């Protein structure tokens, strides 16, 4: 069985948000009939990204899932749709539009999809309101959030009510990088995606560990995208820094970062078997879930194939391909039914 916890989806269409909310900054979508594709544009008219039908059409998505033997996808929005910069109530309104669209997809195919909602992270009170609503929507098992909000990292008390609510309601959290630097030296070679994303994820992960968030909320289920970024491959350096400079690294949490291993998840998207082997050794075979970043170019185009072909023992493969996702999302009963 394969459960892909890292896939993105968009509605086929959405309103003119600049017109609806009265100010710019929102993405627009324009469908191209001739090529059966669509393009996303910034409100200035600047092209942002081309997308294909598998980003919005469920039949296309299920056909591709069947071809690659993926039994279930966990749907979440595209991070550019977070809109943390906007007025909180407007972001909440659009979050509900996106979340209801995901819930509608789950309602149509409850045996193929579950979902992670998006929240107005810039307003914890409104975020809690939406998390509680998501708990009641069919198939919504948690939230997806970006790696920070406007300079606030997750060790800030700003996020406490969000984490407490997720812990109390058993709503999982998937952390996805966003808002990477893109100017100057970063404006070439696809560096924001190749280097910036792993860095963003690592910074978010460290804010949870060194900031003591996992001590404060020990039952919180949290997963970091892209194999935890560069964290597994720099953990030795991080631990060493913690030990030699506790005045900075242990200022909030006195517990060494590596002692939290086994208390959080990552997805499996690391693109090489050597990296996957190290990921399993560091993060642990019980804490890695298949994630492909479907349907985008930088994702794993045949989800789970690298795990299937790896030298990992069969039981470890089963854990990575499905069993850990069942635990992370608390969906064993859903699958068994």
Foldseek 3Di string as FASTA:
>chain_A
DFEAEAEEAFAPADDPLCVVPVHFFDKHKDADVVVQWIWIAGPVRHTDDIGHCCRHPPVVVVVLCVVLVHFAYEYEHDVSLLPLVDDQVSSLVVQVVGLVSQLVSCVVPVRHYAYAGHHNLNQQVRRLVVQVVQLPRPRHQAHEDEQAHPPHAPLDCSNVSVQVSCLVSVRAYEYFYDDFDCDDPNVDPVNCVPPRRLVSLLRNLLSCQLSVVCVVRVSHEYEYEQLSRCCLVCLVVQQVCCVVCVVPSNVHPNDRRQVCQVRYAYEQRPPDLVVSVSSCVRNHLLHYEWHFHPPDDSGDSSTLPSLVPHPDDPVSSVNHRPVSVCVSRVCPVVNVD
